[in-house]
Amino acid sequence: MIMSYIKVPSCLILAVTPANSDLANSDALQIAGNADPDGYRTIGVITKVQMQYT
């Protein structure tokens, strides 16, 4: 479903990935790489940088 949106050349792709996971195996980056192989429209966003442990 998402591919129908991100294949459009005029859209930007936000590839959101948690910081505590392996970026090389990120599903978001793999899907973005399929739609935008050169990476001109892709912005990587890393979340959960500070994890609070209680």
PDB file of N, CA and C in Angstrom:
ATOM      1  N   MET A   1       0.825  -1.191   0.000  1.00  0.00           N
ATOM      2  CA  MET A   1       0.000   0.000   0.000  1.00  0.00           C
ATOM      3  C   MET A   1       0.869   1.256   0.000  1.00  0.00           C
ATOM      4  N   ILE A   2       1.919   1.247   0.779  1.00  0.00           N
ATOM      5  CA  ILE A   2       2.760   2.444   0.880  1.00  0.00           C
ATOM      6  C   ILE A   2       3.505   2.730  -0.415  1.00  0.00           C
ATOM      7  N   MET A   3       3.801   1.689  -1.188  1.00  0.00           N
ATOM      8  CA  MET A   3       4.544   1.881  -2.433  1.00  0.00           C
ATOM      9  C   MET A   3       3.775   2.751  -3.419  1.00  0.00           C
ATOM     10  N   SER A   4       2.456   2.697  -3.399  1.00  0.00           N
ATOM     11  CA  SER A   4       1.677   3.533  -4.316  1.00  0.00           C
ATOM     12  C   SER A   4       1.873   5.016  -4.009  1.00  0.00           C
ATOM     13  N   TYR A   5       2.193   5.347  -2.764  1.00  0.00           N
ATOM     14  CA  TYR A   5       2.422   6.737  -2.397  1.00  0.00           C
ATOM     15  C   TYR A   5       3.872   7.161  -2.629  1.00  0.00           C
ATOM     16  N   ILE A   6       4.826   6.329  -2.232  1.00  0.00           N
ATOM     17  CA  ILE A   6       6.217   6.768  -2.280  1.00  0.00           C
ATOM     18  C   ILE A   6       6.852   6.622  -3.652  1.00  0.00           C
ATOM     19  N   LYS A   7       6.177   5.955  -4.591  1.00  0.00           N
ATOM     20  CA  LYS A   7       6.697   5.883  -5.957  1.00  0.00           C
ATOM     21  C   LYS A   7       6.526   7.200  -6.709  1.00  0.00           C
ATOM     22  N   VAL A   8       5.641   8.056  -6.248  1.00  0.00           N
ATOM     23  CA  VAL A   8       5.393   9.341  -6.900  1.00  0.00           C
ATOM     24  C   VAL A   8       6.655  10.200  -6.777  1.00  0.00           C
ATOM     25  N   PRO A   9       7.216  10.659  -7.906  1.00  0.00           N
ATOM     26  CA  PRO A   9       8.494  11.387  -7.859  1.00  0.00           C
ATOM     27  C   PRO A   9       8.452  12.712  -7.105  1.00  0.00           C
ATOM     28  N   SER A  10       7.289  13.274  -6.873  1.00  0.00           N
ATOM     29  CA  SER A  10       7.213  14.572  -6.198  1.00  0.00           C
ATOM     30  C   SER A  10       7.057  14.458  -4.680  1.00  0.00           C
ATOM     31  N   CYS A  11       7.006  13.254  -4.127  1.00  0.00           N
ATOM     32  CA  CYS A  11       6.834  13.119  -2.677  1.00  0.00           C
ATOM     33  C   CYS A  11       8.180  12.887  -1.986  1.00  0.00           C
ATOM     34  N   LEU A  12       8.250  13.311  -0.743  1.00  0.00           N
ATOM     35  CA  LEU A  12       9.415  13.042   0.106  1.00  0.00           C
ATOM     36  C   LEU A  12       9.122  11.797   0.934  1.00  0.00           C
ATOM     37  N   ILE A  13      10.175  11.048   1.219  1.00  0.00           N
ATOM     38  CA  ILE A  13      10.029   9.806   1.989  1.00  0.00           C
ATOM     39  C   ILE A  13      10.716   9.996   3.334  1.00  0.00           C
ATOM     40  N   LEU A  14       9.970   9.834   4.415  1.00  0.00           N
ATOM     41  CA  LEU A  14      10.533   9.845   5.761  1.00  0.00           C
ATOM     42  C   LEU A  14      10.686   8.397   6.204  1.00  0.00           C
ATOM     43  N   ALA A  15      11.915   7.947   6.322  1.00  0.00           N
ATOM     44  CA  ALA A  15      12.191   6.573   6.754  1.00  0.00           C
ATOM     45  C   ALA A  15      12.492   6.608   8.248  1.00  0.00           C
ATOM     46  N   VAL A  16      11.507   6.272   9.055  1.00  0.00           N
ATOM     47  CA  VAL A  16      11.612   6.351  10.514  1.00  0.00           C
ATOM     48  C   VAL A  16      12.067   5.007  11.063  1.00  0.00           C
ATOM     49  N   THR A  17      13.159   5.043  11.845  1.00  0.00           N
ATOM     50  CA  THR A  17      13.752   3.836  12.409  1.00  0.00           C
ATOM     51  C   THR A  17      14.126   4.092  13.865  1.00  0.00           C
ATOM     52  N   PRO A  18      13.824   3.155  14.771  1.00  0.00           N
ATOM     53  CA  PRO A  18      14.249   3.334  16.157  1.00  0.00           C
ATOM     54  C   PRO A  18      15.769   3.212  16.295  1.00  0.00           C
ATOM     55  N   ALA A  19      16.329   3.990  17.194  1.00  0.00           N
ATOM     56  CA  ALA A  19      17.781   4.012  17.379  1.00  0.00           C
ATOM     57  C   ALA A  19      18.307   2.719  17.993  1.00  0.00           C
ATOM     58  N   ASN A  20      17.463   1.978  18.675  1.00  0.00           N
ATOM     59  CA  ASN A  20      17.936   0.763  19.330  1.00  0.00           C
ATOM     60  C   ASN A  20      17.842  -0.473  18.427  1.00  0.00           C
ATOM     61  N   SER A  21      17.647  -0.266  17.130  1.00  0.00           N
ATOM     62  CA  SER A  21      17.619  -1.388  16.188  1.00  0.00           C
ATOM     63  C   SER A  21      18.755  -1.233  15.180  1.00  0.00           C
ATOM     64  N   ASP A  22      18.980  -2.275  14.415  1.00  0.00           N
ATOM     65  CA  ASP A  22      20.042  -2.280  13.421  1.00  0.00           C
ATOM     66  C   ASP A  22      19.587  -1.508  12.182  1.00  0.00           C
ATOM     67  N   LEU A  23      20.280  -0.421  11.844  1.00  0.00           N
ATOM     68  CA  LEU A  23      19.883   0.398  10.705  1.00  0.00           C
ATOM     69  C   LEU A  23      20.052  -0.336   9.379  1.00  0.00           C
ATOM     70  N   ALA A  24      20.999  -1.240   9.291  1.00  0.00           N
ATOM     71  CA  ALA A  24      21.234  -1.970   8.046  1.00  0.00           C
ATOM     72  C   ALA A  24      20.055  -2.880   7.697  1.00  0.00           C
ATOM     73  N   ASN A  25      19.319  -3.325   8.704  1.00  0.00           N
ATOM     74  CA  ASN A  25      18.186  -4.221   8.477  1.00  0.00           C
ATOM     75  C   ASN A  25      16.840  -3.515   8.633  1.00  0.00           C
ATOM     76  N   SER A  26      16.845  -2.202   8.557  1.00  0.00           N
ATOM     77  CA  SER A  26      15.620  -1.433   8.744  1.00  0.00           C
ATOM     78  C   SER A  26      14.659  -1.641   7.576  1.00  0.00           C
ATOM     79  N   ASP A  27      13.429  -2.022   7.884  1.00  0.00           N
ATOM     80  CA  ASP A  27      12.408  -2.192   6.842  1.00  0.00           C
ATOM     81  C   ASP A  27      12.106  -0.865   6.152  1.00  0.00           C
ATOM     82  N   ALA A  28      12.066   0.213   6.922  1.00  0.00           N
ATOM     83  CA  ALA A  28      11.752   1.522   6.346  1.00  0.00           C
ATOM     84  C   ALA A  28      12.811   1.943   5.329  1.00  0.00           C
ATOM     85  N   LEU A  29      14.076   1.719   5.638  1.00  0.00           N
ATOM     86  CA  LEU A  29      15.134   2.098   4.708  1.00  0.00           C
ATOM     87  C   LEU A  29      15.174   1.192   3.487  1.00  0.00           C
ATOM     88  N   GLN A  30      14.835  -0.066   3.651  1.00  0.00           N
ATOM     89  CA  GLN A  30      14.801  -0.974   2.500  1.00  0.00           C
ATOM     90  C   GLN A  30      13.674  -0.611   1.544  1.00  0.00           C
ATOM     91  N   ILE A  31      12.511  -0.290   2.074  1.00  0.00           N
ATOM     92  CA  ILE A  31      11.385   0.098   1.227  1.00  0.00           C
ATOM     93  C   ILE A  31      11.682   1.430   0.544  1.00  0.00           C
ATOM     94  N   ALA A  32      12.259   2.371   1.285  1.00  0.00           N
ATOM     95  CA  ALA A  32      12.620   3.659   0.690  1.00  0.00           C
ATOM     96  C   ALA A  32      13.676   3.483  -0.387  1.00  0.00           C
ATOM     97  N   GLY A  33      14.597   2.564  -0.194  1.00  0.00           N
ATOM     98  CA  GLY A  33      15.624   2.301  -1.197  1.00  0.00           C
ATOM     99  C   GLY A  33      15.064   1.721  -2.476  1.00  0.00           C
ATOM    100  N   ASN A  34      13.989   0.947  -2.373  1.00  0.00           N
ATOM    101  CA  ASN A  34      13.336   0.413  -3.564  1.00  0.00           C
ATOM    102  C   ASN A  34      12.657   1.513  -4.370  1.00  0.00           C
ATOM    103  N   ALA A  35      12.041   2.468  -3.691  1.00  0.00           N
ATOM    104  CA  ALA A  35      11.312   3.535  -4.371  1.00  0.00           C
ATOM    105  C   ALA A  35      12.229   4.677  -4.799  1.00  0.00           C
ATOM    106  N   ASP A  36      13.319   4.886  -4.070  1.00  0.00           N
ATOM    107  CA  ASP A  36      14.237   5.998  -4.333  1.00  0.00           C
ATOM    108  C   ASP A  36      15.676   5.494  -4.236  1.00  0.00           C
ATOM    109  N   PRO A  37      16.168   4.788  -5.266  1.00  0.00           N
ATOM    110  CA  PRO A  37      17.492   4.167  -5.178  1.00  0.00           C
ATOM    111  C   PRO A  37      18.641   5.157  -4.998  1.00  0.00           C
ATOM    112  N   ASP A  38      18.497   6.379  -5.509  1.00  0.00           N
ATOM    113  CA  ASP A  38      19.570   7.369  -5.369  1.00  0.00           C
ATOM    114  C   ASP A  38      19.511   8.111  -4.038  1.00  0.00           C
ATOM    115  N   GLY A  39      18.400   8.034  -3.340  1.00  0.00           N
ATOM    116  CA  GLY A  39      18.265   8.666  -2.026  1.00  0.00           C
ATOM    117  C   GLY A  39      18.046  10.160  -2.060  1.00  0.00           C
ATOM    118  N   TYR A  40      17.629  10.691  -3.200  1.00  0.00           N
ATOM    119  CA  TYR A  40      17.424  12.136  -3.306  1.00  0.00           C
ATOM    120  C   TYR A  40      16.167  12.601  -2.591  1.00  0.00           C
ATOM    121  N   ARG A  41      15.188  11.724  -2.441  1.00  0.00           N
ATOM    122  CA  ARG A  41      13.913  12.103  -1.826  1.00  0.00           C
ATOM    123  C   ARG A  41      13.726  11.520  -0.439  1.00  0.00           C
ATOM    124  N   THR A  42      14.718  10.823   0.073  1.00  0.00           N
ATOM    125  CA  THR A  42      14.585  10.106   1.333  1.00  0.00           C
ATOM    126  C   THR A  42      15.272  10.856   2.470  1.00  0.00           C
ATOM    127  N   ILE A  43      14.554  10.981   3.582  1.00  0.00           N
ATOM    128  CA  ILE A  43      15.102  11.579   4.807  1.00  0.00           C
ATOM    129  C   ILE A  43      14.998  10.520   5.892  1.00  0.00           C
ATOM    130  N   GLY A  44      16.130  10.183   6.492  1.00  0.00           N
ATOM    131  CA  GLY A  44      16.142   9.208   7.577  1.00  0.00           C
ATOM    132  C   GLY A  44      15.885   9.873   8.908  1.00  0.00           C
ATOM    133  N   VAL A  45      15.004   9.307   9.683  1.00  0.00           N
ATOM    134  CA  VAL A  45      14.652   9.839  10.999  1.00  0.00           C
ATOM    135  C   VAL A  45      14.918   8.746  12.022  1.00  0.00           C
ATOM    136  N   ILE A  46      15.745   9.052  13.018  1.00  0.00           N
ATOM    137  CA  ILE A  46      16.057   8.096  14.077  1.00  0.00           C
ATOM    138  C   ILE A  46      15.310   8.515  15.334  1.00  0.00           C
ATOM    139  N   THR A  47      14.525   7.598  15.893  1.00  0.00           N
ATOM    140  CA  THR A  47      13.716   7.903  17.068  1.00  0.00           C
ATOM    141  C   THR A  47      14.227   7.142  18.292  1.00  0.00           C
ATOM    142  N   LYS A  48      13.691   7.485  19.421  1.00  0.00           N
ATOM    143  CA  LYS A  48      14.004   6.829  20.691  1.00  0.00           C
ATOM    144  C   LYS A  48      15.494   6.897  21.019  1.00  0.00           C
ATOM    145  N   VAL A  49      16.083   8.068  20.810  1.00  0.00           N
ATOM    146  CA  VAL A  49      17.511   8.212  21.084  1.00  0.00           C
ATOM    147  C   VAL A  49      17.792   8.105  22.576  1.00  0.00           C
ATOM    148  N   GLN A  50      16.983   8.755  23.396  1.00  0.00           N
ATOM    149  CA  GLN A  50      17.159   8.668  24.844  1.00  0.00           C
ATOM    150  C   GLN A  50      16.083   7.753  25.426  1.00  0.00           C
ATOM    151  N   MET A  51      16.514   6.631  25.925  1.00  0.00           N
ATOM    152  CA  MET A  51      15.603   5.700  26.566  1.00  0.00           C
ATOM    153  C   MET A  51      15.765   5.860  28.071  1.00  0.00           C
ATOM    154  N   GLN A  52      14.681   6.065  28.772  1.00  0.00           N
ATOM    155  CA  GLN A  52      14.722   6.191  30.225  1.00  0.00           C
ATOM    156  C   GLN A  52      14.464   4.832  30.856  1.00  0.00           C
ATOM    157  N   TYR A  53      15.316   4.452  31.736  1.00  0.00           N
ATOM    158  CA  TYR A  53      15.168   3.187  32.438  1.00  0.00           C
ATOM    159  C   TYR A  53      14.797   3.475  33.880  1.00  0.00           C
ATOM    160  N   THR A  54      13.713   2.872  34.328  1.00  0.00           N
ATOM    161  CA  THR A  54      13.291   3.103  35.713  1.00  0.00           C
ATOM    162  C   THR A  54      13.335   1.836  36.498  1.00  0.00           C
TER     163      THR A  54
END
